[in-house]
Protein backbone atom coordinates (compact mmCIF):
# COMPACT_ATOMS: atom_id res chain seq x y z
CA UNK A 1 -70.95 -30.06 -11.34
CA UNK A 2 -69.85 -26.40 -11.57
CA UNK A 3 -67.80 -26.42 -8.56
CA UNK A 4 -65.97 -29.63 -10.09
CA UNK A 5 -65.25 -27.64 -13.08
CA UNK A 6 -64.20 -24.61 -11.12
CA UNK A 7 -61.63 -26.96 -8.94
CA UNK A 8 -60.12 -28.49 -12.14
CA UNK A 9 -59.45 -25.11 -13.80
CA UNK A 10 -57.63 -23.80 -10.63
CA UNK A 11 -55.83 -27.04 -10.45
CA UNK A 12 -54.91 -26.56 -14.28
CA UNK A 13 -53.70 -23.03 -13.83
CA UNK A 14 -51.48 -24.21 -10.69
CA UNK A 15 -50.13 -27.05 -12.48
CA UNK A 16 -49.20 -24.70 -15.37
CA UNK A 17 -47.53 -22.17 -13.40
CA UNK A 18 -45.57 -24.81 -11.51
CA UNK A 19 -44.23 -26.25 -15.00
CA UNK A 20 -43.22 -22.92 -16.12
CA UNK A 21 -41.45 -22.02 -13.10
CA UNK A 22 -39.70 -25.30 -13.15
CA UNK A 23 -38.76 -24.86 -16.68
CA UNK A 24 -37.46 -21.31 -15.93
CA UNK A 25 -35.55 -22.33 -12.78
CA UNK A 26 -33.82 -25.33 -15.12
CA UNK A 27 -33.06 -22.66 -17.88
CA UNK A 28 -31.40 -20.23 -15.31
CA UNK A 29 -29.71 -22.86 -13.48
CA UNK A 30 -28.41 -24.32 -16.71
CA UNK A 31 -27.42 -21.10 -18.31
CA UNK A 32 -25.44 -20.43 -15.07
CA UNK A 33 -23.66 -23.88 -15.43
CA UNK A 34 -22.99 -23.18 -19.24
CA UNK A 35 -25.17 -26.35 -20.05
CA UNK A 36 -26.87 -24.80 -23.01
CA UNK A 37 -23.73 -22.80 -24.32
CA UNK A 38 -21.22 -24.04 -26.55
CA UNK A 39 -18.00 -23.92 -24.30
CA UNK A 40 -14.31 -25.01 -24.06
CA UNK A 41 -12.33 -25.91 -21.28
CA UNK A 42 -9.19 -24.61 -19.63
CA UNK A 43 -7.10 -25.22 -16.52
CA UNK A 44 -4.66 -23.58 -14.16
CA UNK A 45 -2.55 -24.84 -11.37
CA UNK A 46 -2.43 -22.91 -8.21
CA UNK A 47 -0.55 -23.31 -4.75
CA UNK A 48 -3.47 -22.31 -2.81
CA UNK A 49 -7.16 -21.72 -4.32
CA UNK A 50 -8.12 -19.69 -0.94
CA UNK A 51 -11.37 -21.28 -0.86
CA UNK A 52 -12.39 -21.43 -4.43
CA UNK A 53 -15.28 -23.73 -4.95
CA UNK A 54 -16.78 -25.60 -7.85
CA UNK A 55 -19.63 -23.74 -9.29
CA UNK A 56 -17.94 -19.99 -8.77
CA UNK A 57 -17.49 -17.79 -11.52
CA UNK A 58 -15.04 -17.14 -14.00
CA UNK A 59 -14.78 -13.52 -15.02
CA UNK A 60 -12.96 -11.56 -17.73
CA UNK A 61 -12.88 -7.74 -18.06
CA UNK A 62 -15.46 -7.81 -15.27
CA UNK A 63 -18.08 -10.15 -17.16
CA UNK A 64 -18.90 -13.57 -16.26
CA UNK A 65 -17.56 -15.72 -19.08
CA UNK A 66 -17.48 -19.24 -17.44
CA UNK A 67 -17.62 -21.29 -14.18
CA UNK A 68 -15.53 -23.37 -12.05
CA UNK A 69 -16.22 -27.27 -13.42
CA UNK A 70 -13.51 -29.15 -10.99
CA UNK A 71 -11.03 -28.77 -8.66
CA UNK A 72 -8.26 -31.67 -8.06
CA UNK A 73 -5.60 -31.88 -5.57
CA UNK A 74 -2.53 -32.96 -7.69
CA UNK A 75 0.41 -32.79 -5.11
CA UNK A 76 0.68 -31.55 -1.73
CA UNK A 77 1.66 -27.96 -3.22
CA UNK A 78 -0.44 -27.88 -6.21
CA UNK A 79 -4.10 -27.72 -7.08
CA UNK A 80 -5.55 -27.88 -10.67
CA UNK A 81 -8.68 -25.82 -11.41
CA UNK A 82 -10.92 -26.83 -14.48
CA UNK A 83 -12.99 -23.86 -16.02
CA UNK A 84 -15.71 -24.07 -18.49
CA UNK A 85 -15.44 -20.94 -20.51
CA UNK A 86 -17.99 -19.54 -23.21
CA UNK A 87 -17.11 -20.24 -26.69
CA UNK A 88 -17.81 -16.66 -27.63
CA UNK A 89 -15.00 -15.36 -25.23
CA UNK A 90 -12.40 -17.65 -26.68
CA UNK A 91 -11.20 -14.99 -29.12
CA UNK A 92 -10.39 -12.43 -26.37
CA UNK A 93 -8.48 -15.08 -24.14
CA UNK A 94 -5.06 -15.25 -25.45
CA UNK A 95 -2.34 -17.92 -24.67
CA UNK A 96 -0.32 -15.20 -22.66
CA UNK A 97 -3.60 -14.39 -20.40
CA UNK A 98 -3.23 -15.01 -16.42
CA UNK A 99 -5.51 -16.10 -13.86
CA UNK A 100 -5.90 -15.14 -10.49
CA UNK A 101 -8.20 -15.74 -7.57
CA UNK A 102 -10.21 -12.75 -6.20
CA UNK A 103 -13.51 -12.08 -4.15
CA UNK A 104 -16.70 -10.94 -5.38
CA UNK A 105 -16.69 -7.73 -2.92
CA UNK A 106 -14.68 -7.42 0.12
CA UNK A 107 -16.42 -10.34 1.86
CA UNK A 108 -18.19 -12.18 -1.01
CA UNK A 109 -17.60 -15.61 -2.63
CA UNK A 110 -14.49 -16.46 -4.52
CA UNK A 111 -14.07 -15.92 -7.95
CA UNK A 112 -11.36 -16.72 -10.72
CA UNK A 113 -10.58 -13.62 -12.80
CA UNK A 114 -8.74 -13.89 -15.93
CA UNK A 115 -6.58 -10.77 -17.35
CA UNK A 116 -5.92 -10.10 -20.88
CA UNK A 117 -2.64 -10.59 -22.27
CA UNK A 118 -0.82 -8.95 -25.00
CA UNK A 119 -2.37 -8.31 -28.21
CA UNK A 120 -0.97 -10.57 -31.13
CA UNK A 121 -0.96 -13.86 -29.25
CA UNK A 122 -3.15 -16.77 -30.47
CA UNK A 123 -6.46 -17.44 -28.77
CA UNK A 124 -6.77 -20.38 -26.16
CA UNK A 125 -7.48 -23.84 -27.53
CA UNK A 126 -9.70 -26.59 -25.70
CA UNK A 127 -7.85 -28.15 -22.86
CA UNK A 128 -5.07 -25.54 -22.67
CA UNK A 129 -3.51 -24.39 -19.46
CA UNK A 130 -3.43 -20.79 -18.36
CA UNK A 131 -0.79 -18.95 -16.35
CA UNK A 132 -1.76 -18.24 -12.79
CA UNK A 133 -0.91 -15.91 -9.86
CA UNK A 134 -0.75 -16.50 -6.42
CA UNK A 135 -3.75 -15.13 -4.76
CA UNK A 136 -3.50 -12.63 -1.82
CA UNK A 137 -3.67 -14.33 1.56
CA UNK A 138 -6.10 -12.28 3.63
CA UNK A 139 -5.03 -14.11 7.03
CA UNK A 140 -1.57 -12.77 6.52
CA UNK A 141 -2.99 -9.15 5.89
CA UNK A 142 -5.17 -9.41 8.98
CA UNK A 143 -2.18 -10.72 10.97
CA UNK A 144 -0.02 -7.74 9.79
CA UNK A 145 -2.89 -5.21 10.56
CA UNK A 146 -3.11 -6.78 14.07
CA UNK A 147 0.79 -6.40 14.86
CA UNK A 148 0.45 -2.94 13.39
CA UNK A 149 -2.25 -2.26 15.83
CA UNK A 150 -0.60 -3.65 18.71
CA UNK A 151 2.79 -1.70 18.00
CA UNK A 152 0.54 1.38 17.66
CA UNK A 153 -1.00 0.80 21.14
CA UNK A 154 2.49 0.19 22.62
CA UNK A 155 3.79 3.55 21.38
CA UNK A 156 0.63 5.29 22.48
CA UNK A 157 1.31 3.79 26.02
CA UNK A 158 5.26 4.81 26.03
CA UNK A 159 4.20 8.57 24.93
CA UNK A 160 1.80 8.59 27.78
CA UNK A 161 4.26 7.42 30.39
CA UNK A 162 6.61 10.22 28.95
CA UNK A 163 4.02 12.85 29.31
CA UNK A 164 3.04 11.75 32.81
CA UNK A 165 6.81 11.97 33.61
CA UNK A 166 7.02 15.45 32.29
CA UNK A 167 3.93 16.46 34.22
CA UNK A 168 5.62 15.07 37.33
CA UNK A 169 8.88 16.86 36.59
CA UNK A 170 11.08 13.96 36.17
CA UNK A 171 13.97 13.78 33.97
CA UNK A 172 15.88 16.82 32.38
CA UNK A 173 12.77 17.58 30.11
CA UNK A 174 10.36 17.39 32.88
CA UNK A 175 12.61 19.80 35.06
CA UNK A 176 12.90 22.11 32.09
CA UNK A 177 9.22 22.61 31.60
CA UNK A 178 7.99 21.88 35.29
CA UNK A 179 10.81 22.74 37.65
CA UNK A 180 10.60 26.67 38.05
CA UNK A 181 14.00 26.64 40.04
CA UNK A 182 15.65 25.06 37.07
CA UNK A 183 14.02 27.27 34.68
CA UNK A 184 15.10 30.29 36.67
CA UNK A 185 18.69 29.14 36.76
CA UNK A 186 18.75 28.53 33.08
CA UNK A 187 17.32 32.29 32.67
CA UNK A 188 19.98 33.69 34.86
CA UNK A 189 22.57 31.54 32.73
CA UNK A 190 21.44 32.88 29.51
CA UNK A 191 21.42 36.45 30.86
CA UNK A 192 25.03 36.01 32.01
CA UNK A 193 25.90 34.71 28.72
CA UNK A 194 24.38 37.87 27.14
CA UNK A 195 26.06 39.96 29.52
CA UNK A 196 29.41 38.78 29.07
CA UNK A 197 29.25 38.89 25.36
CA UNK A 198 28.33 42.61 25.56
CA UNK A 199 31.07 43.31 27.68
CA UNK A 200 33.49 41.58 25.41
CA UNK A 201 32.28 43.90 22.39
CA UNK A 202 33.03 46.71 24.47
CA UNK A 203 36.39 45.86 25.41
CA UNK A 204 37.28 45.33 21.94
CA UNK A 205 35.78 48.61 20.83
CA UNK A 206 37.81 50.18 23.65
CA UNK A 207 41.07 48.47 22.31
CA UNK A 208 40.53 49.61 18.82
CA UNK A 209 40.97 53.40 19.93
CA UNK A 210 44.09 52.53 21.81
CA UNK A 211 47.15 54.77 20.90
CA UNK A 212 49.56 51.99 21.51
CA UNK A 213 47.51 49.51 19.48
CA UNK A 214 46.99 51.98 16.88
CA UNK A 215 50.69 52.38 16.46
CA UNK A 216 51.31 48.62 16.47
CA UNK A 217 48.78 48.37 13.59
CA UNK A 218 50.39 51.41 11.60
CA UNK A 219 53.83 49.82 11.75
CA UNK A 220 52.31 46.61 10.38
CA UNK A 221 50.60 48.74 7.37
CA UNK A 222 54.17 50.42 6.86
CA UNK A 223 55.94 47.02 6.46
CA UNK A 224 53.51 45.76 4.13
CA UNK A 225 53.94 48.89 1.87
CA UNK A 226 57.55 48.70 1.93
CA UNK A 227 57.37 44.96 0.74
CA UNK A 228 55.29 45.83 -1.88
CA UNK A 229 57.25 48.78 -3.24
CA UNK A 230 60.54 46.40 -3.04
CA UNK A 231 58.80 43.79 -5.08
CA UNK A 232 57.41 46.35 -7.63
CA UNK A 233 61.04 47.80 -8.19
CA UNK A 234 62.46 44.23 -8.63
CA UNK A 235 59.87 43.56 -11.36
CA UNK A 236 60.76 46.69 -12.97
CA UNK A 237 64.60 46.05 -13.00
CA UNK A 238 63.83 42.49 -14.58
CA UNK A 239 62.20 44.28 -17.41
C-alpha cells in the first residue's frame, strides 16, 4: 500500500512538472509570436528578401518589436513582407521610417530592421506600408573580394618575375644593379661629366681675367654710360 502511494506521488509530481513546462513553453512561444500582445500590422515591398523567413524578428533601435507574419511573391520583381509589430512601439515608428533586411550577427539568421524617421511625422496605422531599402547582396561582395584576391595574386606573381629578372641581370634595371661592367661604365661617364664641368669652370675663370676680354667689357660699359648721360641731358633740356 505504501509503495502504491509513493508511486502515485511521484507520478503526480512528474505530471505537474510536465504541465508547468508545457505552459511555460506555450507562453514563451506565444510571446515570441506576439500571440498575447496587442499588435498592429505593417507591410513592405522588396525586390529581394535575401533569405528572410516567416517568424524572423523585426527590430527597431536594436529592440525586438515584432515578427515577420507572412511573405508573399507579388510579381517577378517584388515580394511583400507583412510584419506584426507590438502596439507599444507604434508611437515610435513614424510614417517616414524605413525598413531594410540585415543579419543577426555576421552569419546569423536574417532580421528586418526598422530605422526611425524624422520627428514630426505621424505614427503608422494598421495595414500601413513602410518604405524599404534594398538589402546588401553578400554574394556580390564575396565575388568582388575573390576578384580582388585574384588580382593581388596576379600582381604578386608579376612582381616576383620582375625581381627574378633583376637578379638575373636582364633588362636595363637588371644590368644597372647586377652587371658590374655596365655599372663601371656608368661610373666612368659620371666622372667624365664631372671633370668636364670642372674644366669648363676653369676656362671661364681664365677668360674673365683676359686683358682683351676686359677691354671689350669696359667699352660696353662706357657706351652704356654715354647713352645714359645723353638721355639725362635731353630730359633736362625738355624741362
